N, C-alpha and C. Protein backbone atom coordinates (compact mmCIF):
# COMPACT_ATOMS: atom_id res chain seq x y z
N MET A 1 98.59 150.36 118.33
CA MET A 1 98.33 151.61 119.01
C MET A 1 97.12 151.45 119.91
N ALA A 2 97.25 151.84 121.13
CA ALA A 2 96.15 151.73 122.09
C ALA A 2 95.14 152.84 121.86
N TYR A 3 93.89 152.50 122.18
CA TYR A 3 92.83 153.49 122.06
C TYR A 3 93.02 154.59 123.09
N SER A 4 92.83 155.79 122.68
CA SER A 4 92.89 156.93 123.59
C SER A 4 91.63 157.77 123.37
N PRO A 5 90.93 158.14 124.46
CA PRO A 5 89.72 158.96 124.28
C PRO A 5 90.01 160.33 123.69
N SER A 6 91.29 160.73 123.66
CA SER A 6 91.60 162.04 123.07
C SER A 6 91.83 161.96 121.56
N ASN A 7 91.79 160.75 121.01
CA ASN A 7 91.93 160.57 119.57
C ASN A 7 90.72 159.79 119.07
N SER A 8 90.17 160.17 117.96
CA SER A 8 89.02 159.43 117.44
C SER A 8 89.08 159.38 115.92
N ARG A 9 88.37 158.38 115.40
CA ARG A 9 88.32 158.18 113.96
C ARG A 9 86.88 157.92 113.57
N HIS A 10 86.41 158.60 112.54
CA HIS A 10 85.03 158.48 112.09
C HIS A 10 85.02 158.21 110.59
N LEU A 11 84.23 157.25 110.17
CA LEU A 11 84.01 156.98 108.75
C LEU A 11 82.55 157.24 108.44
N SER A 12 82.28 157.83 107.29
CA SER A 12 80.89 158.00 106.89
C SER A 12 80.76 157.94 105.39
N ASN A 13 79.60 157.53 104.95
CA ASN A 13 79.25 157.52 103.52
C ASN A 13 78.15 158.54 103.33
N GLN A 14 78.29 159.41 102.37
CA GLN A 14 77.34 160.49 102.15
C GLN A 14 76.97 160.54 100.67
N SER A 15 75.79 161.10 100.40
CA SER A 15 75.40 161.31 99.01
C SER A 15 74.53 162.56 98.89
N VAL A 16 74.55 163.16 97.71
CA VAL A 16 73.75 164.33 97.42
C VAL A 16 73.61 164.41 95.90
N THR A 17 72.58 165.10 95.44
CA THR A 17 72.37 165.31 94.01
C THR A 17 72.41 166.81 93.72
N THR A 18 73.10 167.17 92.63
CA THR A 18 73.12 168.57 92.19
C THR A 18 72.49 168.65 90.80
N THR A 19 71.98 169.83 90.45
CA THR A 19 71.38 170.05 89.14
C THR A 19 72.00 171.23 88.40
N ASP A 20 72.99 171.88 89.04
CA ASP A 20 73.63 173.03 88.44
C ASP A 20 75.03 173.18 89.00
N ALA A 21 75.65 174.35 88.85
CA ALA A 21 77.03 174.57 89.27
C ALA A 21 77.14 175.09 90.71
N THR A 22 76.05 175.13 91.45
CA THR A 22 76.06 175.62 92.82
C THR A 22 76.92 174.70 93.69
N VAL A 23 77.84 175.29 94.46
CA VAL A 23 78.64 174.50 95.40
C VAL A 23 77.69 173.99 96.48
N THR A 24 77.70 172.67 96.67
CA THR A 24 76.76 172.00 97.57
C THR A 24 77.53 171.20 98.61
N THR A 25 77.12 171.33 99.87
CA THR A 25 77.76 170.59 100.96
C THR A 25 77.28 169.15 100.96
N ILE A 26 78.22 168.24 100.97
CA ILE A 26 77.90 166.82 101.07
C ILE A 26 78.10 166.32 102.51
N LYS A 27 78.96 167.01 103.30
CA LYS A 27 79.18 166.64 104.70
C LYS A 27 79.72 167.83 105.46
N THR A 28 79.18 168.07 106.66
CA THR A 28 79.66 169.10 107.58
C THR A 28 80.33 168.41 108.75
N ILE A 29 81.53 168.86 109.12
CA ILE A 29 82.29 168.23 110.18
C ILE A 29 82.66 169.30 111.22
N PRO A 30 82.03 169.25 112.41
CA PRO A 30 82.39 170.22 113.44
C PRO A 30 83.85 170.01 113.90
N ILE A 31 84.57 171.09 114.04
CA ILE A 31 85.95 171.04 114.56
C ILE A 31 85.87 171.57 115.99
N LYS A 32 86.08 170.66 116.94
CA LYS A 32 85.85 170.96 118.36
C LYS A 32 87.01 171.70 119.00
N GLY A 33 86.70 172.64 119.87
CA GLY A 33 87.68 173.28 120.74
C GLY A 33 89.03 173.53 120.11
N ALA A 34 90.06 172.96 120.72
CA ALA A 34 91.43 173.13 120.25
C ALA A 34 91.90 171.88 119.53
N SER A 35 91.01 171.22 118.83
CA SER A 35 91.36 169.97 118.15
C SER A 35 91.96 170.20 116.78
N VAL A 36 92.52 169.12 116.25
CA VAL A 36 93.00 169.12 114.87
C VAL A 36 92.43 167.86 114.22
N ALA A 37 92.05 167.97 112.98
CA ALA A 37 91.45 166.82 112.27
C ALA A 37 92.08 166.67 110.91
N ARG A 38 92.33 165.43 110.54
CA ARG A 38 92.76 165.10 109.18
C ARG A 38 91.51 164.56 108.49
N ILE A 39 91.11 165.18 107.40
CA ILE A 39 89.92 164.78 106.67
C ILE A 39 90.35 164.22 105.32
N ILE A 40 89.84 163.04 105.01
CA ILE A 40 90.15 162.38 103.75
C ILE A 40 88.81 162.11 103.07
N ALA A 41 88.63 162.60 101.86
CA ALA A 41 87.37 162.40 101.15
C ALA A 41 87.63 161.81 99.77
N ILE A 42 86.95 160.71 99.50
CA ILE A 42 86.97 160.11 98.17
C ILE A 42 85.56 160.30 97.61
N ILE A 43 85.45 161.05 96.52
CA ILE A 43 84.17 161.51 95.99
C ILE A 43 84.01 161.02 94.55
N THR A 44 82.84 160.51 94.24
CA THR A 44 82.52 160.18 92.84
C THR A 44 81.23 160.90 92.44
N GLY A 45 81.15 161.25 91.17
CA GLY A 45 79.94 161.88 90.64
C GLY A 45 79.59 161.25 89.30
N LYS A 46 78.28 161.09 89.07
CA LYS A 46 77.81 160.52 87.79
C LYS A 46 76.62 161.33 87.32
N ARG A 47 76.67 161.75 86.05
CA ARG A 47 75.54 162.48 85.45
C ARG A 47 74.40 161.49 85.24
N THR A 48 73.23 161.85 85.79
CA THR A 48 72.05 160.98 85.70
C THR A 48 70.92 161.62 84.93
N GLY A 49 71.14 162.82 84.39
CA GLY A 49 70.11 163.49 83.63
C GLY A 49 70.50 164.93 83.34
N GLY A 50 69.55 165.68 82.80
CA GLY A 50 69.82 167.06 82.42
C GLY A 50 69.97 167.17 80.92
N THR A 51 70.09 168.41 80.44
CA THR A 51 70.14 168.63 78.99
C THR A 51 71.55 168.93 78.50
N ALA A 52 72.51 169.07 79.40
CA ALA A 52 73.90 169.36 78.99
C ALA A 52 74.78 168.15 79.29
N GLY A 53 75.94 168.15 78.68
CA GLY A 53 76.87 167.05 78.90
C GLY A 53 76.46 165.80 78.15
N ASN A 54 77.10 164.69 78.49
CA ASN A 54 76.84 163.43 77.83
C ASN A 54 76.32 162.40 78.84
N VAL A 55 75.58 161.43 78.36
CA VAL A 55 75.06 160.36 79.21
C VAL A 55 76.23 159.71 79.94
N ASN A 56 76.06 159.52 81.23
CA ASN A 56 77.05 158.87 82.10
C ASN A 56 78.37 159.61 82.24
N ASP A 57 78.39 160.93 82.02
CA ASP A 57 79.60 161.68 82.36
C ASP A 57 79.91 161.37 83.82
N ALA A 58 81.20 161.38 84.17
CA ALA A 58 81.59 160.97 85.52
C ALA A 58 82.80 161.77 85.99
N ALA A 59 83.02 161.69 87.31
CA ALA A 59 84.20 162.32 87.91
C ALA A 59 84.53 161.60 89.21
N SER A 60 85.78 161.72 89.62
CA SER A 60 86.17 161.26 90.96
C SER A 60 87.27 162.16 91.49
N TYR A 61 87.27 162.33 92.80
CA TYR A 61 88.24 163.19 93.47
C TYR A 61 88.69 162.49 94.75
N TRP A 62 89.98 162.60 95.03
CA TRP A 62 90.54 162.12 96.29
C TRP A 62 91.24 163.32 96.88
N VAL A 63 90.63 163.90 97.92
CA VAL A 63 91.17 165.12 98.52
C VAL A 63 91.37 164.91 100.02
N THR A 64 92.33 165.64 100.57
CA THR A 64 92.60 165.56 102.00
C THR A 64 93.02 166.93 102.52
N ALA A 65 92.72 167.18 103.78
CA ALA A 65 93.10 168.45 104.41
C ALA A 65 93.27 168.25 105.90
N THR A 66 94.15 169.04 106.49
CA THR A 66 94.28 169.13 107.93
C THR A 66 93.57 170.41 108.36
N VAL A 67 92.67 170.27 109.32
CA VAL A 67 91.88 171.42 109.78
C VAL A 67 92.03 171.53 111.29
N LYS A 68 92.29 172.74 111.77
CA LYS A 68 92.39 172.99 113.21
C LYS A 68 91.42 174.09 113.60
N ALA A 69 91.13 174.15 114.88
CA ALA A 69 90.25 175.20 115.40
C ALA A 69 91.10 176.26 116.10
N ILE A 70 90.86 177.50 115.76
CA ILE A 70 91.50 178.63 116.43
C ILE A 70 90.39 179.55 116.93
N ASN A 71 90.26 179.64 118.27
CA ASN A 71 89.21 180.47 118.87
C ASN A 71 87.82 180.16 118.27
N GLY A 72 87.54 178.88 118.05
CA GLY A 72 86.24 178.48 117.53
C GLY A 72 86.08 178.57 116.03
N THR A 73 87.12 178.98 115.33
CA THR A 73 87.05 179.10 113.87
C THR A 73 87.92 178.02 113.23
N ALA A 74 87.33 177.27 112.32
CA ALA A 74 88.06 176.22 111.61
C ALA A 74 89.00 176.87 110.58
N THR A 75 90.22 176.35 110.52
CA THR A 75 91.24 176.87 109.63
C THR A 75 91.96 175.70 108.96
N ILE A 76 92.16 175.78 107.66
CA ILE A 76 92.90 174.75 106.94
C ILE A 76 94.39 175.01 107.15
N VAL A 77 95.12 173.97 107.55
CA VAL A 77 96.56 174.05 107.72
C VAL A 77 97.20 173.80 106.36
N GLY A 78 97.96 174.76 105.88
CA GLY A 78 98.57 174.63 104.56
C GLY A 78 97.51 174.77 103.49
N ALA A 79 97.31 173.72 102.71
CA ALA A 79 96.35 173.76 101.61
C ALA A 79 95.66 172.40 101.50
N VAL A 80 94.51 172.40 100.85
CA VAL A 80 93.84 171.14 100.53
C VAL A 80 94.69 170.42 99.48
N ALA A 81 94.97 169.15 99.75
CA ALA A 81 95.75 168.35 98.80
C ALA A 81 94.81 167.56 97.91
N VAL A 82 94.94 167.74 96.61
CA VAL A 82 94.18 166.95 95.64
C VAL A 82 95.11 165.82 95.19
N LEU A 83 94.84 164.62 95.73
CA LEU A 83 95.69 163.48 95.43
C LEU A 83 95.37 162.88 94.07
N SER A 84 94.10 163.04 93.65
CA SER A 84 93.68 162.56 92.34
C SER A 84 92.40 163.27 91.93
N ALA A 85 92.31 163.62 90.67
CA ALA A 85 91.09 164.23 90.13
C ALA A 85 90.94 163.77 88.68
N SER A 86 89.79 163.19 88.39
CA SER A 86 89.48 162.75 87.03
C SER A 86 88.05 163.18 86.73
N GLU A 87 87.82 163.81 85.58
CA GLU A 87 86.48 164.30 85.30
C GLU A 87 86.24 164.42 83.81
N ASP A 88 84.99 164.11 83.42
CA ASP A 88 84.57 164.32 82.04
C ASP A 88 84.27 165.79 81.78
N GLN A 89 83.80 166.50 82.81
CA GLN A 89 83.47 167.92 82.66
C GLN A 89 84.33 168.73 83.62
N VAL A 90 85.11 169.66 83.09
CA VAL A 90 86.05 170.42 83.92
C VAL A 90 85.37 171.33 84.93
N ALA A 91 84.11 171.65 84.75
CA ALA A 91 83.41 172.52 85.70
C ALA A 91 83.07 171.79 87.00
N TRP A 92 83.00 170.48 86.97
CA TRP A 92 82.67 169.72 88.18
C TRP A 92 83.83 169.83 89.18
N ASP A 93 83.50 169.67 90.47
CA ASP A 93 84.54 169.76 91.49
C ASP A 93 84.13 169.06 92.77
N GLY A 94 85.10 168.57 93.50
CA GLY A 94 84.91 168.02 94.82
C GLY A 94 86.08 168.48 95.66
N THR A 95 85.82 169.04 96.86
CA THR A 95 86.91 169.61 97.66
C THR A 95 86.53 169.66 99.14
N ILE A 96 87.43 170.17 99.94
CA ILE A 96 87.22 170.41 101.38
C ILE A 96 87.44 171.89 101.61
N ASP A 97 86.56 172.49 102.41
CA ASP A 97 86.64 173.92 102.73
C ASP A 97 86.30 174.08 104.21
N VAL A 98 86.29 175.30 104.69
CA VAL A 98 85.89 175.59 106.06
C VAL A 98 84.87 176.71 106.06
N SER A 99 84.03 176.70 107.10
CA SER A 99 83.05 177.75 107.31
C SER A 99 82.74 177.82 108.80
N GLY A 100 83.04 178.95 109.41
CA GLY A 100 82.82 179.07 110.85
C GLY A 100 83.64 178.06 111.61
N GLY A 101 82.99 177.26 112.44
CA GLY A 101 83.67 176.25 113.24
C GLY A 101 83.63 174.87 112.63
N THR A 102 83.38 174.78 111.33
CA THR A 102 83.25 173.47 110.70
C THR A 102 84.12 173.35 109.46
N ALA A 103 84.47 172.11 109.16
CA ALA A 103 85.04 171.77 107.87
C ALA A 103 83.88 171.26 107.03
N ILE A 104 83.91 171.48 105.73
CA ILE A 104 82.84 171.02 104.87
C ILE A 104 83.44 170.35 103.63
N VAL A 105 82.85 169.23 103.27
CA VAL A 105 83.19 168.56 102.02
C VAL A 105 82.13 169.01 101.02
N THR A 106 82.56 169.58 99.91
CA THR A 106 81.62 170.15 98.95
C THR A 106 81.82 169.55 97.54
N VAL A 107 80.75 169.64 96.76
CA VAL A 107 80.78 169.23 95.37
C VAL A 107 80.09 170.30 94.54
N ALA A 108 80.38 170.32 93.26
CA ALA A 108 79.70 171.22 92.33
C ALA A 108 79.62 170.54 90.97
N GLY A 109 78.45 170.58 90.38
CA GLY A 109 78.26 170.03 89.05
C GLY A 109 78.36 171.13 88.02
N ALA A 110 77.49 171.10 87.04
CA ALA A 110 77.46 172.12 85.99
C ALA A 110 76.00 172.39 85.62
N ALA A 111 75.77 173.52 84.96
CA ALA A 111 74.42 173.89 84.54
C ALA A 111 73.78 172.77 83.73
N ASN A 112 72.52 172.53 84.00
CA ASN A 112 71.72 171.54 83.27
C ASN A 112 72.30 170.12 83.30
N ASN A 113 72.95 169.80 84.42
CA ASN A 113 73.46 168.45 84.67
C ASN A 113 72.90 167.95 85.99
N ASN A 114 72.20 166.84 85.98
CA ASN A 114 71.80 166.20 87.22
C ASN A 114 72.93 165.24 87.57
N VAL A 115 73.60 165.48 88.69
CA VAL A 115 74.75 164.67 89.09
C VAL A 115 74.47 164.06 90.45
N THR A 116 74.62 162.75 90.56
CA THR A 116 74.52 162.07 91.83
C THR A 116 75.95 161.90 92.35
N TRP A 117 76.19 162.45 93.55
CA TRP A 117 77.51 162.41 94.17
C TRP A 117 77.49 161.44 95.34
N ASN A 118 78.56 160.68 95.48
CA ASN A 118 78.75 159.80 96.64
C ASN A 118 80.14 160.06 97.18
N ALA A 119 80.27 160.01 98.51
CA ALA A 119 81.57 160.26 99.14
C ALA A 119 81.78 159.33 100.31
N LYS A 120 82.98 158.86 100.44
CA LYS A 120 83.43 158.14 101.62
C LYS A 120 84.38 159.11 102.31
N ILE A 121 84.06 159.44 103.56
CA ILE A 121 84.81 160.48 104.27
C ILE A 121 85.35 159.89 105.57
N GLU A 122 86.64 160.08 105.78
CA GLU A 122 87.30 159.64 107.01
C GLU A 122 87.79 160.89 107.73
N VAL A 123 87.51 160.94 109.04
CA VAL A 123 87.96 162.03 109.87
C VAL A 123 88.77 161.44 111.03
N ILE A 124 90.00 161.85 111.12
CA ILE A 124 90.85 161.42 112.22
C ILE A 124 91.14 162.65 113.06
N GLU A 125 90.67 162.64 114.32
CA GLU A 125 90.77 163.80 115.18
C GLU A 125 91.75 163.58 116.32
N ASN A 126 92.41 164.65 116.71
CA ASN A 126 93.19 164.70 117.93
C ASN A 126 92.56 165.78 118.77
N LEU A 127 91.81 165.35 119.77
CA LEU A 127 91.00 166.30 120.55
C LEU A 127 91.79 167.01 121.62
């Protein structure tokens, strides 16, 4: 396939730490103009401290979504697909959502859990 300036692909590695159940953004992805983007996120989490849970509790998520812009507002096409989810604590989560003109990859731990999250995120855009 030949390169086209109207199509682009971006890979990034991101990390964040959570200490409670607050939904936390690990990556913000602007959805430009009338573009459509396929977002693929592979997320891992490991408990590194806190007073709840067990030492080395872990989780991983493989999620994907198609996001398009409508009048400057990001919209998920269909639903976020969870291709795989494994977790020691059911309260933990990793997903893709939208806010305003952006797609966001988010994570959430649990109360009194220090969790280090890492994500490999691929964005394939059709501008």
